């Protein structure tokens, strides 16, 4: 009888240890909310994007690691120990600004990394930001996205995989004149990776979140 009781207690403890908990929190940079920041449970397919207020809600287990990322900011990992609301502050990534030097009518900004320094025209930085391929809306509640490419191509091959790298879908688009539709409505709500090959050239992959 005593042995059975011990086994029952052990099973109960195991159940509670693996029980799901509801995690809520906000992602910001110096009190400025970051909309559409990616919040993912490490080594899983569970993920969500923050809303316009930088808020998120996610089911997880104690001991899970949250991976929080946003374009242009350092990725942060956080081990979950309780169910209290979490405030996550992301720091800007990329470069450390040092000095601004003027050359005729062009302003150049010098940046440094651990390996050395280099200069980039501000206009180049803005153009680089504006010319990124994008998905709209992202996240999407119904799993339907529009892919807007910065250039026109004769052939575009779209591959969709889950966050574990498992290929789910592949489509080819010829001579398109409008935005390409990305459809993951038949799949579960989670994060997907959209890979793009345009005229034989591999473009930067995009994270698509079905919320």
Protein backbone atom coordinates (compact mmCIF):
# COMPACT_ATOMS: atom_id res chain seq x y z
CA UNK A 1 0.00 0.00 0.00
CA UNK A 2 2.83 2.37 0.96
CA UNK A 3 4.65 1.62 -2.29
CA UNK A 4 1.52 2.34 -4.34
CA UNK A 5 1.10 5.67 -2.56
CA UNK A 6 4.70 6.67 -3.37
CA UNK A 7 4.20 5.77 -7.03
CA UNK A 8 1.00 7.83 -7.14
CA UNK A 9 2.78 10.84 -5.60
CA UNK A 10 5.64 10.53 -8.08
CA UNK A 11 3.23 10.43 -11.01
CA UNK A 12 1.37 13.46 -9.66
CA UNK A 13 4.61 15.42 -9.31
CA UNK A 14 5.60 14.47 -12.85
CA UNK A 15 2.22 15.65 -14.15
CA UNK A 16 2.43 19.02 -12.42
CA UNK A 17 6.04 19.50 -13.56
CA UNK A 18 5.00 19.09 -17.19
CA UNK A 19 1.71 21.00 -16.89
CA UNK A 20 1.16 23.94 -19.17
CA UNK A 21 1.26 27.46 -17.76
CA UNK A 22 -0.02 30.65 -19.37
CA UNK A 23 2.70 33.21 -20.02
CA UNK A 24 1.88 36.86 -20.70
CA UNK A 25 4.30 39.67 -21.29
CA UNK A 26 5.41 42.67 -23.29
CA UNK A 27 8.34 43.28 -25.61
CA UNK A 28 9.72 46.80 -25.84
CA UNK A 29 12.79 48.93 -26.42
CA UNK A 30 13.18 51.60 -23.72
CA UNK A 31 9.42 51.58 -23.02
CA UNK A 32 8.55 51.72 -26.76
CA UNK A 33 6.38 48.66 -27.61
CA UNK A 34 7.70 46.44 -30.42
CA UNK A 35 4.86 45.19 -32.63
CA UNK A 36 5.28 41.83 -34.43
CA UNK A 37 8.28 40.81 -32.35
CA UNK A 38 8.80 37.03 -32.54
CA UNK A 39 8.30 35.09 -29.28
CA UNK A 40 9.17 31.40 -29.64
CA UNK A 41 9.63 28.49 -27.25
CA UNK A 42 13.12 27.19 -27.94
CA UNK A 43 13.39 23.78 -29.61
CA UNK A 44 9.65 23.69 -30.37
CA UNK A 45 7.21 24.80 -33.05
CA UNK A 46 5.28 27.03 -30.66
CA UNK A 47 5.52 30.74 -31.31
CA UNK A 48 3.57 33.96 -31.56
CA UNK A 49 4.05 37.61 -32.53
CA UNK A 50 3.40 40.58 -30.27
CA UNK A 51 0.41 42.83 -30.93
CA UNK A 52 0.50 46.59 -31.56
CA UNK A 53 1.11 47.17 -27.85
CA UNK A 54 4.03 44.73 -27.78
CA UNK A 55 1.96 42.22 -25.81
CA UNK A 56 1.91 38.43 -26.13
CA UNK A 57 0.29 35.41 -24.48
CA UNK A 58 1.64 31.90 -24.86
CA UNK A 59 1.18 28.45 -23.31
CA UNK A 60 4.43 26.95 -22.05
CA UNK A 61 5.95 24.83 -19.28
CA UNK A 62 8.13 25.87 -16.39
CA UNK A 63 11.74 25.51 -17.43
CA UNK A 64 11.04 26.28 -21.09
CA UNK A 65 13.24 28.90 -22.74
CA UNK A 66 11.63 31.84 -24.52
CA UNK A 67 13.50 33.19 -27.55
CA UNK A 68 12.51 36.78 -28.32
CA UNK A 69 13.72 38.47 -31.50
CA UNK A 70 13.01 41.52 -33.62
CA UNK A 71 14.69 42.82 -36.76
CA UNK A 72 17.50 45.21 -35.84
CA UNK A 73 17.60 44.14 -32.19
CA UNK A 74 19.62 41.62 -30.20
CA UNK A 75 17.85 38.31 -29.64
CA UNK A 76 17.14 37.54 -25.98
CA UNK A 77 16.54 34.18 -24.29
CA UNK A 78 14.65 33.81 -21.01
CA UNK A 79 14.03 30.70 -18.88
CA UNK A 80 10.45 30.54 -17.57
CA UNK A 81 10.20 30.02 -13.82
CA UNK A 82 6.79 31.50 -12.96
CA UNK A 83 3.53 32.71 -14.43
CA UNK A 84 3.97 36.39 -13.63
CA UNK A 85 3.80 38.92 -16.46
CA UNK A 86 7.18 39.26 -18.15
CA UNK A 87 8.65 42.55 -19.34
CA UNK A 88 11.30 42.00 -22.02
CA UNK A 89 13.51 44.87 -23.18
CA UNK A 90 15.42 44.34 -26.42
CA UNK A 91 18.57 46.30 -27.16
CA UNK A 92 19.36 47.63 -30.63
CA UNK A 93 21.75 45.44 -32.58
CA UNK A 94 23.94 45.97 -35.63
CA UNK A 95 26.33 48.87 -35.14
CA UNK A 96 27.71 51.34 -32.62
CA UNK A 97 27.68 54.88 -33.96
CA UNK A 98 30.94 56.75 -33.37
CA UNK A 99 31.18 59.94 -35.39
CA UNK A 100 29.45 61.69 -38.28
CA UNK A 101 31.60 63.24 -41.01
CA UNK A 102 30.31 65.43 -43.87
CA UNK A 103 31.55 65.04 -47.43
CA UNK A 104 30.16 67.75 -49.70
CA UNK A 105 26.38 67.19 -49.66
CA UNK A 106 26.59 63.56 -48.50
CA UNK A 107 26.59 62.65 -44.82
CA UNK A 108 28.45 59.50 -43.89
CA UNK A 109 28.22 57.75 -40.54
CA UNK A 110 31.06 55.70 -39.13
CA UNK A 111 30.31 52.52 -37.27
CA UNK A 112 32.50 50.03 -35.48
CA UNK A 113 32.41 46.36 -34.69
CA UNK A 114 34.86 44.30 -32.66
CA UNK A 115 36.80 43.58 -35.84
CA UNK A 116 37.20 47.20 -36.98
CA UNK A 117 35.43 50.13 -38.57
CA UNK A 118 33.80 51.13 -41.85
CA UNK A 119 31.57 53.86 -43.26
CA UNK A 120 28.10 53.66 -44.77
CA UNK A 121 26.08 56.42 -46.38
CA UNK A 122 22.85 57.06 -44.50
CA UNK A 123 20.90 56.86 -47.73
CA UNK A 124 22.23 53.33 -48.24
CA UNK A 125 20.92 52.31 -44.82
CA UNK A 126 17.47 53.69 -45.52
CA UNK A 127 17.29 52.07 -48.97
CA UNK A 128 18.39 48.75 -47.54
CA UNK A 129 15.59 48.90 -44.98
CA UNK A 130 12.95 49.94 -47.51
CA UNK A 131 13.88 47.25 -50.03
CA UNK A 132 13.25 44.21 -47.85
CA UNK A 133 10.82 41.58 -49.12
CA UNK A 134 7.81 41.51 -46.79
CA UNK A 135 4.72 39.51 -45.83
CA UNK A 136 1.39 41.22 -45.11
CA UNK A 137 -0.23 40.85 -42.63
CA UNK A 138 2.24 39.16 -40.34
CA UNK A 139 1.05 37.59 -38.08
CA UNK A 140 -2.09 36.44 -39.90
CA UNK A 141 -5.12 35.07 -38.06
CA UNK A 142 -6.32 32.98 -41.03
CA UNK A 143 -2.93 31.92 -42.40
CA UNK A 144 -3.23 33.93 -45.63
CA UNK A 145 -0.32 36.26 -46.39
CA UNK A 146 0.69 38.47 -49.31
CA UNK A 147 4.33 38.40 -50.33
CA UNK A 148 5.58 41.71 -51.66
CA UNK A 149 8.91 41.47 -53.49
CA UNK A 150 11.08 44.49 -54.15
CA UNK A 151 11.77 43.42 -57.76
CA UNK A 152 9.96 41.69 -60.63
CA UNK A 153 11.04 38.16 -61.52
CA UNK A 154 10.13 35.69 -64.27
CA UNK A 155 9.92 32.71 -61.91
CA UNK A 156 9.53 32.56 -58.15
CA UNK A 157 9.65 29.30 -56.19
CA UNK A 158 8.15 29.43 -52.69
CA UNK A 159 8.94 26.74 -50.11
CA UNK A 160 7.21 26.65 -46.72
CA UNK A 161 8.69 24.77 -43.76
CA UNK A 162 7.94 24.63 -40.06
CA UNK A 163 10.43 25.93 -37.51
CA UNK A 164 12.01 22.45 -37.30
CA UNK A 165 12.88 22.60 -41.00
CA UNK A 166 10.26 20.09 -42.17
CA UNK A 167 9.09 20.97 -45.70
CA UNK A 168 5.31 21.40 -45.89
CA UNK A 169 4.55 23.04 -49.21
CA UNK A 170 6.23 24.19 -52.44
CA UNK A 171 4.75 26.34 -55.20
CA UNK A 172 6.05 27.93 -58.40
CA UNK A 173 4.84 31.28 -59.77
CA UNK A 174 5.47 32.37 -63.37
CA UNK A 175 5.42 35.95 -64.70
CA UNK A 176 3.37 37.30 -61.83
CA UNK A 177 2.14 40.88 -61.90
CA UNK A 178 0.73 41.16 -58.40
CA UNK A 179 1.71 40.15 -54.89
CA UNK A 180 2.13 36.41 -54.34
CA UNK A 181 -0.34 34.74 -51.96
CA UNK A 182 1.19 32.54 -49.24
CA UNK A 183 -1.43 30.15 -47.86
CA UNK A 184 -0.85 28.12 -44.67
CA UNK A 185 -4.51 28.17 -43.64
CA UNK A 186 -4.65 24.36 -43.69
CA UNK A 187 -1.86 24.13 -41.11
CA UNK A 188 -1.87 24.74 -37.35
CA UNK A 189 -1.29 28.14 -35.76
CA UNK A 190 2.46 28.48 -35.34
CA UNK A 191 5.59 29.93 -36.94
CA UNK A 192 6.61 28.99 -40.49
CA UNK A 193 9.68 29.73 -42.59
CA UNK A 194 9.08 31.01 -46.13
CA UNK A 195 12.05 30.38 -48.44
CA UNK A 196 12.18 32.22 -51.78
CA UNK A 197 14.11 31.39 -54.95
CA UNK A 198 13.68 34.11 -57.58
CA UNK A 199 15.09 33.48 -61.08
CA UNK A 200 17.45 30.93 -59.58
CA UNK A 201 18.66 33.24 -56.80
CA UNK A 202 18.06 32.38 -53.14
CA UNK A 203 16.53 35.38 -51.37
CA UNK A 204 16.37 36.01 -47.64
CA UNK A 205 13.90 33.75 -45.84
CA UNK A 206 10.94 35.31 -44.03
CA UNK A 207 9.21 34.19 -40.82
CA UNK A 208 5.43 33.84 -41.20
CA UNK A 209 3.29 33.55 -38.08
CA UNK A 210 -0.23 32.12 -38.13
CA UNK A 211 -1.74 33.31 -34.86
